[in-house]
Amino acid sequence: MQRGYCLEALNERLEVALALAVASREIDMFADPLDLSAILVGPIIYRTAMQAGTVSHHLIDQPIDSLGRWQGPATRR
């Protein structure tokens, strides 16, 4: 039950955040909205759980950058 709630909450929040980013023209989306959680969370879980490693800023930036073409402040990282 808790796992389902966590996944639902994560998906919902990502969907809302990215819908706002699209609406404000902050991003032109490339990624399928159904894949967002896997694209963003997958590499972090893999690095920590499977490789017992740490998550770098670069590893966080790559999946975020792959979602689409970012405009404005987000491109000044």
PDB file of N, CA and C in Angstrom:
ATOM      1  N   MET A   1       0.824  -1.195   0.000  1.00  0.00           N
ATOM      2  CA  MET A   1       0.000   0.000   0.000  1.00  0.00           C
ATOM      3  C   MET A   1       0.873   1.267   0.000  1.00  0.00           C
ATOM      4  N   GLN A   2       1.893   1.305   0.862  1.00  0.00           N
ATOM      5  CA  GLN A   2       2.745   2.486   0.942  1.00  0.00           C
ATOM      6  C   GLN A   2       3.536   2.683  -0.351  1.00  0.00           C
ATOM      7  N   ARG A   3       4.007   1.600  -0.947  1.00  0.00           N
ATOM      8  CA  ARG A   3       4.761   1.700  -2.196  1.00  0.00           C
ATOM      9  C   ARG A   3       3.900   2.324  -3.285  1.00  0.00           C
ATOM     10  N   GLY A   4       2.667   1.859  -3.404  1.00  0.00           N
ATOM     11  CA  GLY A   4       1.751   2.404  -4.399  1.00  0.00           C
ATOM     12  C   GLY A   4       1.500   3.883  -4.181  1.00  0.00           C
ATOM     13  N   TYR A   5       1.334   4.270  -2.917  1.00  0.00           N
ATOM     14  CA  TYR A   5       1.110   5.688  -2.607  1.00  0.00           C
ATOM     15  C   TYR A   5       2.331   6.517  -2.977  1.00  0.00           C
ATOM     16  N   CYS A   6       3.526   6.017  -2.659  1.00  0.00           N
ATOM     17  CA  CYS A   6       4.751   6.761  -2.972  1.00  0.00           C
ATOM     18  C   CYS A   6       4.907   6.945  -4.476  1.00  0.00           C
ATOM     19  N   LEU A   7       4.659   5.884  -5.230  1.00  0.00           N
ATOM     20  CA  LEU A   7       4.764   5.979  -6.686  1.00  0.00           C
ATOM     21  C   LEU A   7       3.731   6.942  -7.256  1.00  0.00           C
ATOM     22  N   GLU A   8       2.528   6.859  -6.751  1.00  0.00           N
ATOM     23  CA  GLU A   8       1.469   7.750  -7.215  1.00  0.00           C
ATOM     24  C   GLU A   8       1.799   9.206  -6.897  1.00  0.00           C
ATOM     25  N   ALA A   9       2.274   9.456  -5.689  1.00  0.00           N
ATOM     26  CA  ALA A   9       2.626  10.820  -5.287  1.00  0.00           C
ATOM     27  C   ALA A   9       3.785  11.353  -6.128  1.00  0.00           C
ATOM     28  N   LEU A  10       4.793  10.533  -6.349  1.00  0.00           N
ATOM     29  CA  LEU A  10       5.939  10.949  -7.160  1.00  0.00           C
ATOM     30  C   LEU A  10       5.506  11.266  -8.582  1.00  0.00           C
ATOM     31  N   ASN A  11       4.758  10.367  -9.185  1.00  0.00           N
ATOM     32  CA  ASN A  11       4.298  10.582 -10.557  1.00  0.00           C
ATOM     33  C   ASN A  11       3.441  11.833 -10.678  1.00  0.00           C
ATOM     34  N   GLU A  12       2.548  12.015  -9.726  1.00  0.00           N
ATOM     35  CA  GLU A  12       1.657  13.182  -9.759  1.00  0.00           C
ATOM     36  C   GLU A  12       2.444  14.485  -9.630  1.00  0.00           C
ATOM     37  N   ARG A  13       3.382  14.515  -8.730  1.00  0.00           N
ATOM     38  CA  ARG A  13       4.164  15.739  -8.515  1.00  0.00           C
ATOM     39  C   ARG A  13       5.061  16.059  -9.702  1.00  0.00           C
ATOM     40  N   LEU A  14       5.664  15.037 -10.276  1.00  0.00           N
ATOM     41  CA  LEU A  14       6.481  15.258 -11.471  1.00  0.00           C
ATOM     42  C   LEU A  14       5.632  15.762 -12.625  1.00  0.00           C
ATOM     43  N   GLU A  15       4.471  15.156 -12.790  1.00  0.00           N
ATOM     44  CA  GLU A  15       3.571  15.555 -13.865  1.00  0.00           C
ATOM     45  C   GLU A  15       3.154  17.013 -13.724  1.00  0.00           C
ATOM     46  N   VAL A  16       2.802  17.428 -12.518  1.00  0.00           N
ATOM     47  CA  VAL A  16       2.386  18.813 -12.277  1.00  0.00           C
ATOM     48  C   VAL A  16       3.554  19.773 -12.494  1.00  0.00           C
ATOM     49  N   ALA A  17       4.718  19.436 -11.946  1.00  0.00           N
ATOM     50  CA  ALA A  17       5.882  20.314 -12.080  1.00  0.00           C
ATOM     51  C   ALA A  17       6.271  20.499 -13.540  1.00  0.00           C
ATOM     52  N   LEU A  18       6.274  19.422 -14.291  1.00  0.00           N
ATOM     53  CA  LEU A  18       6.658  19.536 -15.692  1.00  0.00           C
ATOM     54  C   LEU A  18       5.564  20.186 -16.533  1.00  0.00           C
ATOM     55  N   ALA A  19       4.307  19.993 -16.180  1.00  0.00           N
ATOM     56  CA  ALA A  19       3.224  20.687 -16.883  1.00  0.00           C
ATOM     57  C   ALA A  19       3.361  22.195 -16.690  1.00  0.00           C
ATOM     58  N   LEU A  20       3.721  22.610 -15.491  1.00  0.00           N
ATOM     59  CA  LEU A  20       3.947  24.038 -15.229  1.00  0.00           C
ATOM     60  C   LEU A  20       5.155  24.547 -16.019  1.00  0.00           C
ATOM     61  N   ALA A  21       6.206  23.735 -16.091  1.00  0.00           N
ATOM     62  CA  ALA A  21       7.392  24.131 -16.855  1.00  0.00           C
ATOM     63  C   ALA A  21       7.069  24.254 -18.343  1.00  0.00           C
ATOM     64  N   VAL A  22       6.247  23.353 -18.864  1.00  0.00           N
ATOM     65  CA  VAL A  22       5.841  23.425 -20.267  1.00  0.00           C
ATOM     66  C   VAL A  22       4.974  24.657 -20.493  1.00  0.00           C
ATOM     67  N   ALA A  23       4.018  24.880 -19.582  1.00  0.00           N
ATOM     68  CA  ALA A  23       3.105  26.018 -19.715  1.00  0.00           C
ATOM     69  C   ALA A  23       3.844  27.355 -19.681  1.00  0.00           C
ATOM     70  N   SER A  24       4.912  27.433 -18.896  1.00  0.00           N
ATOM     71  CA  SER A  24       5.682  28.676 -18.800  1.00  0.00           C
ATOM     72  C   SER A  24       6.815  28.726 -19.824  1.00  0.00           C
ATOM     73  N   ARG A  25       6.837  27.754 -20.718  1.00  0.00           N
ATOM     74  CA  ARG A  25       7.842  27.655 -21.790  1.00  0.00           C
ATOM     75  C   ARG A  25       9.266  27.521 -21.264  1.00  0.00           C
ATOM     76  N   GLU A  26       9.376  26.915 -20.106  1.00  0.00           N
ATOM     77  CA  GLU A  26      10.698  26.656 -19.532  1.00  0.00           C
ATOM     78  C   GLU A  26      11.328  25.419 -20.169  1.00  0.00           C
ATOM     79  N   ILE A  27      10.482  24.516 -20.707  1.00  0.00           N
ATOM     80  CA  ILE A  27      10.984  23.298 -21.337  1.00  0.00           C
ATOM     81  C   ILE A  27      10.100  22.909 -22.518  1.00  0.00           C
ATOM     82  N   ASP A  28      10.743  22.405 -23.566  1.00  0.00           N
ATOM     83  CA  ASP A  28      10.057  21.735 -24.663  1.00  0.00           C
ATOM     84  C   ASP A  28      10.297  20.250 -24.425  1.00  0.00           C
ATOM     85  N   MET A  29       9.259  19.538 -24.006  1.00  0.00           N
ATOM     86  CA  MET A  29       9.403  18.143 -23.593  1.00  0.00           C
ATOM     87  C   MET A  29       9.732  17.214 -24.752  1.00  0.00           C
ATOM     88  N   PHE A  30      10.684  16.293 -24.510  1.00  0.00           N
ATOM     89  CA  PHE A  30      11.007  15.212 -25.431  1.00  0.00           C
ATOM     90  C   PHE A  30      10.488  13.889 -24.872  1.00  0.00           C
ATOM     91  N   ALA A  31      10.539  13.758 -23.561  1.00  0.00           N
ATOM     92  CA  ALA A  31      10.237  12.486 -22.907  1.00  0.00           C
ATOM     93  C   ALA A  31       8.732  12.233 -22.850  1.00  0.00           C
ATOM     94  N   ASP A  32       8.387  10.961 -22.873  1.00  0.00           N
ATOM     95  CA  ASP A  32       7.004  10.546 -22.691  1.00  0.00           C
ATOM     96  C   ASP A  32       6.649  10.738 -21.214  1.00  0.00           C
ATOM     97  N   PRO A  33       5.566  11.423 -20.916  1.00  0.00           N
ATOM     98  CA  PRO A  33       5.200  11.658 -19.509  1.00  0.00           C
ATOM     99  C   PRO A  33       5.070  10.377 -18.684  1.00  0.00           C
ATOM    100  N   LEU A  34       4.719   9.265 -19.315  1.00  0.00           N
ATOM    101  CA  LEU A  34       4.592   8.006 -18.578  1.00  0.00           C
ATOM    102  C   LEU A  34       5.948   7.459 -18.129  1.00  0.00           C
ATOM    103  N   ASP A  35       7.031   7.939 -18.741  1.00  0.00           N
ATOM    104  CA  ASP A  35       8.372   7.451 -18.413  1.00  0.00           C
ATOM    105  C   ASP A  35       9.134   8.347 -17.438  1.00  0.00           C
ATOM    106  N   LEU A  36       8.541   9.453 -17.025  1.00  0.00           N
ATOM    107  CA  LEU A  36       9.274  10.450 -16.242  1.00  0.00           C
ATOM    108  C   LEU A  36       9.906   9.901 -14.969  1.00  0.00           C
ATOM    109  N   SER A  37       9.144   9.180 -14.179  1.00  0.00           N
ATOM    110  CA  SER A  37       9.683   8.661 -12.915  1.00  0.00           C
ATOM    111  C   SER A  37      10.857   7.732 -13.160  1.00  0.00           C
ATOM    112  N   ALA A  38      10.720   6.847 -14.133  1.00  0.00           N
ATOM    113  CA  ALA A  38      11.806   5.899 -14.424  1.00  0.00           C
ATOM    114  C   ALA A  38      13.052   6.628 -14.900  1.00  0.00           C
ATOM    115  N   ILE A  39      12.861   7.638 -15.743  1.00  0.00           N
ATOM    116  CA  ILE A  39      14.003   8.398 -16.268  1.00  0.00           C
ATOM    117  C   ILE A  39      14.714   9.150 -15.152  1.00  0.00           C
ATOM    118  N   LEU A  40      13.953   9.752 -14.258  1.00  0.00           N
ATOM    119  CA  LEU A  40      14.557  10.584 -13.215  1.00  0.00           C
ATOM    120  C   LEU A  40      15.061   9.797 -12.015  1.00  0.00           C
ATOM    121  N   VAL A  41      14.321   8.814 -11.571  1.00  0.00           N
ATOM    122  CA  VAL A  41      14.660   8.102 -10.345  1.00  0.00           C
ATOM    123  C   VAL A  41      15.529   6.874 -10.604  1.00  0.00           C
ATOM    124  N   GLY A  42      15.343   6.248 -11.757  1.00  0.00           N
ATOM    125  CA  GLY A  42      16.061   5.015 -12.061  1.00  0.00           C
ATOM    126  C   GLY A  42      17.563   5.083 -11.873  1.00  0.00           C
ATOM    127  N   PRO A  43      18.245   6.068 -12.481  1.00  0.00           N
ATOM    128  CA  PRO A  43      19.706   6.127 -12.327  1.00  0.00           C
ATOM    129  C   PRO A  43      20.157   6.328 -10.877  1.00  0.00           C
ATOM    130  N   ILE A  44      19.396   7.061 -10.114  1.00  0.00           N
ATOM    131  CA  ILE A  44      19.766   7.325  -8.717  1.00  0.00           C
ATOM    132  C   ILE A  44      19.626   6.056  -7.889  1.00  0.00           C
ATOM    133  N   ILE A  45      18.530   5.334  -8.087  1.00  0.00           N
ATOM    134  CA  ILE A  45      18.337   4.082  -7.354  1.00  0.00           C
ATOM    135  C   ILE A  45      19.386   3.054  -7.771  1.00  0.00           C
ATOM    136  N   TYR A  46      19.650   2.972  -9.061  1.00  0.00           N
ATOM    137  CA  TYR A  46      20.654   2.017  -9.545  1.00  0.00           C
ATOM    138  C   TYR A  46      22.017   2.303  -8.920  1.00  0.00           C
ATOM    139  N   ARG A  47      22.422   3.570  -8.943  1.00  0.00           N
ATOM    140  CA  ARG A  47      23.736   3.933  -8.400  1.00  0.00           C
ATOM    141  C   ARG A  47      23.830   3.610  -6.914  1.00  0.00           C
ATOM    142  N   THR A  48      22.799   3.899  -6.154  1.00  0.00           N
ATOM    143  CA  THR A  48      22.874   3.690  -4.709  1.00  0.00           C
ATOM    144  C   THR A  48      22.608   2.243  -4.301  1.00  0.00           C
ATOM    145  N   ALA A  49      21.589   1.624  -4.887  1.00  0.00           N
ATOM    146  CA  ALA A  49      21.210   0.274  -4.460  1.00  0.00           C
ATOM    147  C   ALA A  49      22.037  -0.824  -5.119  1.00  0.00           C
ATOM    148  N   MET A  50      22.269  -0.703  -6.405  1.00  0.00           N
ATOM    149  CA  MET A  50      22.950  -1.769  -7.132  1.00  0.00           C
ATOM    150  C   MET A  50      24.478  -1.621  -7.099  1.00  0.00           C
ATOM    151  N   GLN A  51      24.952  -0.377  -7.151  1.00  0.00           N
ATOM    152  CA  GLN A  51      26.393  -0.148  -7.184  1.00  0.00           C
ATOM    153  C   GLN A  51      26.957   0.310  -5.847  1.00  0.00           C
ATOM    154  N   ALA A  52      26.103   0.564  -4.878  1.00  0.00           N
ATOM    155  CA  ALA A  52      26.519   1.053  -3.562  1.00  0.00           C
ATOM    156  C   ALA A  52      27.419   2.280  -3.692  1.00  0.00           C
ATOM    157  N   GLY A  53      27.077   3.144  -4.650  1.00  0.00           N
ATOM    158  CA  GLY A  53      27.869   4.344  -4.886  1.00  0.00           C
ATOM    159  C   GLY A  53      27.145   5.604  -4.466  1.00  0.00           C
ATOM    160  N   THR A  54      27.804   6.705  -4.657  1.00  0.00           N
ATOM    161  CA  THR A  54      27.207   7.999  -4.345  1.00  0.00           C
ATOM    162  C   THR A  54      26.669   8.631  -5.628  1.00  0.00           C
ATOM    163  N   VAL A  55      25.758   9.538  -5.459  1.00  0.00           N
ATOM    164  CA  VAL A  55      25.114  10.202  -6.592  1.00  0.00           C
ATOM    165  C   VAL A  55      25.741  11.578  -6.773  1.00  0.00           C
ATOM    166  N   SER A  56      26.329  11.795  -7.940  1.00  0.00           N
ATOM    167  CA  SER A  56      26.957  13.083  -8.233  1.00  0.00           C
ATOM    168  C   SER A  56      25.932  14.055  -8.803  1.00  0.00           C
ATOM    169  N   HIS A  57      26.295  15.315  -8.811  1.00  0.00           N
ATOM    170  CA  HIS A  57      25.427  16.330  -9.425  1.00  0.00           C
ATOM    171  C   HIS A  57      25.234  16.019 -10.908  1.00  0.00           C
ATOM    172  N   HIS A  58      26.281  15.530 -11.536  1.00  0.00           N
ATOM    173  CA  HIS A  58      26.216  15.185 -12.958  1.00  0.00           C
ATOM    174  C   HIS A  58      25.176  14.085 -13.209  1.00  0.00           C
ATOM    175  N   LEU A  59      25.132  13.079 -12.337  1.00  0.00           N
ATOM    176  CA  LEU A  59      24.166  11.994 -12.486  1.00  0.00           C
ATOM    177  C   LEU A  59      22.736  12.500 -12.301  1.00  0.00           C
ATOM    178  N   ILE A  60      22.550  13.493 -11.491  1.00  0.00           N
ATOM    179  CA  ILE A  60      21.222  14.089 -11.317  1.00  0.00           C
ATOM    180  C   ILE A  60      20.872  14.965 -12.520  1.00  0.00           C
ATOM    181  N   ASP A  61      21.833  15.730 -13.006  1.00  0.00           N
ATOM    182  CA  ASP A  61      21.578  16.635 -14.135  1.00  0.00           C
ATOM    183  C   ASP A  61      21.257  15.898 -15.435  1.00  0.00           C
ATOM    184  N   GLN A  62      21.933  14.791 -15.700  1.00  0.00           N
ATOM    185  CA  GLN A  62      21.741  14.092 -16.973  1.00  0.00           C
ATOM    186  C   GLN A  62      20.290  13.691 -17.229  1.00  0.00           C
ATOM    187  N   PRO A  63      19.618  13.002 -16.316  1.00  0.00           N
ATOM    188  CA  PRO A  63      18.226  12.636 -16.606  1.00  0.00           C
ATOM    189  C   PRO A  63      17.302  13.858 -16.701  1.00  0.00           C
ATOM    190  N   ILE A  64      17.561  14.872 -15.889  1.00  0.00           N
ATOM    191  CA  ILE A  64      16.739  16.087 -15.960  1.00  0.00           C
ATOM    192  C   ILE A  64      16.917  16.754 -17.318  1.00  0.00           C
ATOM    193  N   ASP A  65      18.155  16.846 -17.766  1.00  0.00           N
ATOM    194  CA  ASP A  65      18.439  17.466 -19.064  1.00  0.00           C
ATOM    195  C   ASP A  65      17.849  16.659 -20.221  1.00  0.00           C
ATOM    196  N   SER A  66      17.717  15.346 -20.051  1.00  0.00           N
ATOM    197  CA  SER A  66      17.221  14.490 -21.132  1.00  0.00           C
ATOM    198  C   SER A  66      15.712  14.581 -21.334  1.00  0.00           C
ATOM    199  N   LEU A  67      15.013  15.238 -20.420  1.00  0.00           N
ATOM    200  CA  LEU A  67      13.559  15.332 -20.536  1.00  0.00           C
ATOM    201  C   LEU A  67      13.124  16.208 -21.699  1.00  0.00           C
ATOM    202  N   GLY A  68      13.948  17.178 -22.062  1.00  0.00           N
ATOM    203  CA  GLY A  68      13.591  18.083 -23.144  1.00  0.00           C
ATOM    204  C   GLY A  68      14.610  19.195 -23.278  1.00  0.00           C
ATOM    205  N   ARG A  69      14.269  20.171 -24.082  1.00  0.00           N
ATOM    206  CA  ARG A  69      15.140  21.336 -24.273  1.00  0.00           C
ATOM    207  C   ARG A  69      14.710  22.405 -23.269  1.00  0.00           C
ATOM    208  N   TRP A  70      15.587  22.699 -22.329  1.00  0.00           N
ATOM    209  CA  TRP A  70      15.300  23.673 -21.281  1.00  0.00           C
ATOM    210  C   TRP A  70      15.591  25.085 -21.784  1.00  0.00           C
ATOM    211  N   GLN A  71      14.794  26.038 -21.361  1.00  0.00           N
ATOM    212  CA  GLN A  71      14.938  27.445 -21.720  1.00  0.00           C
ATOM    213  C   GLN A  71      15.099  28.273 -20.447  1.00  0.00           C
ATOM    214  N   GLY A  72      15.687  29.416 -20.556  1.00  0.00           N
ATOM    215  CA  GLY A  72      15.748  30.349 -19.426  1.00  0.00           C
ATOM    216  C   GLY A  72      16.719  29.941 -18.355  1.00  0.00           C
ATOM    217  N   PRO A  73      16.386  30.214 -17.075  1.00  0.00           N
ATOM    218  CA  PRO A  73      17.318  30.017 -15.965  1.00  0.00           C
ATOM    219  C   PRO A  73      17.864  28.590 -15.851  1.00  0.00           C
ATOM    220  N   ALA A  74      17.080  27.599 -16.203  1.00  0.00           N
ATOM    221  CA  ALA A  74      17.536  26.201 -16.063  1.00  0.00           C
ATOM    222  C   ALA A  74      18.717  25.897 -16.975  1.00  0.00           C
ATOM    223  N   THR A  75      18.906  26.657 -18.036  1.00  0.00           N
ATOM    224  CA  THR A  75      20.026  26.398 -18.956  1.00  0.00           C
ATOM    225  C   THR A  75      21.316  27.007 -18.464  1.00  0.00           C
ATOM    226  N   ARG A  76      21.281  27.753 -17.366  1.00  0.00           N
ATOM    227  CA  ARG A  76      22.480  28.423 -16.855  1.00  0.00           C
ATOM    228  C   ARG A  76      23.112  27.648 -15.708  1.00  0.00           C
ATOM    229  N   ARG A  77      22.989  26.339 -15.690  1.00  0.00           N
ATOM    230  CA  ARG A  77      23.572  25.547 -14.611  1.00  0.00           C
ATOM    231  C   ARG A  77      25.056  25.594 -14.623  1.00  0.00           C
TER     232      ARG A  77
END
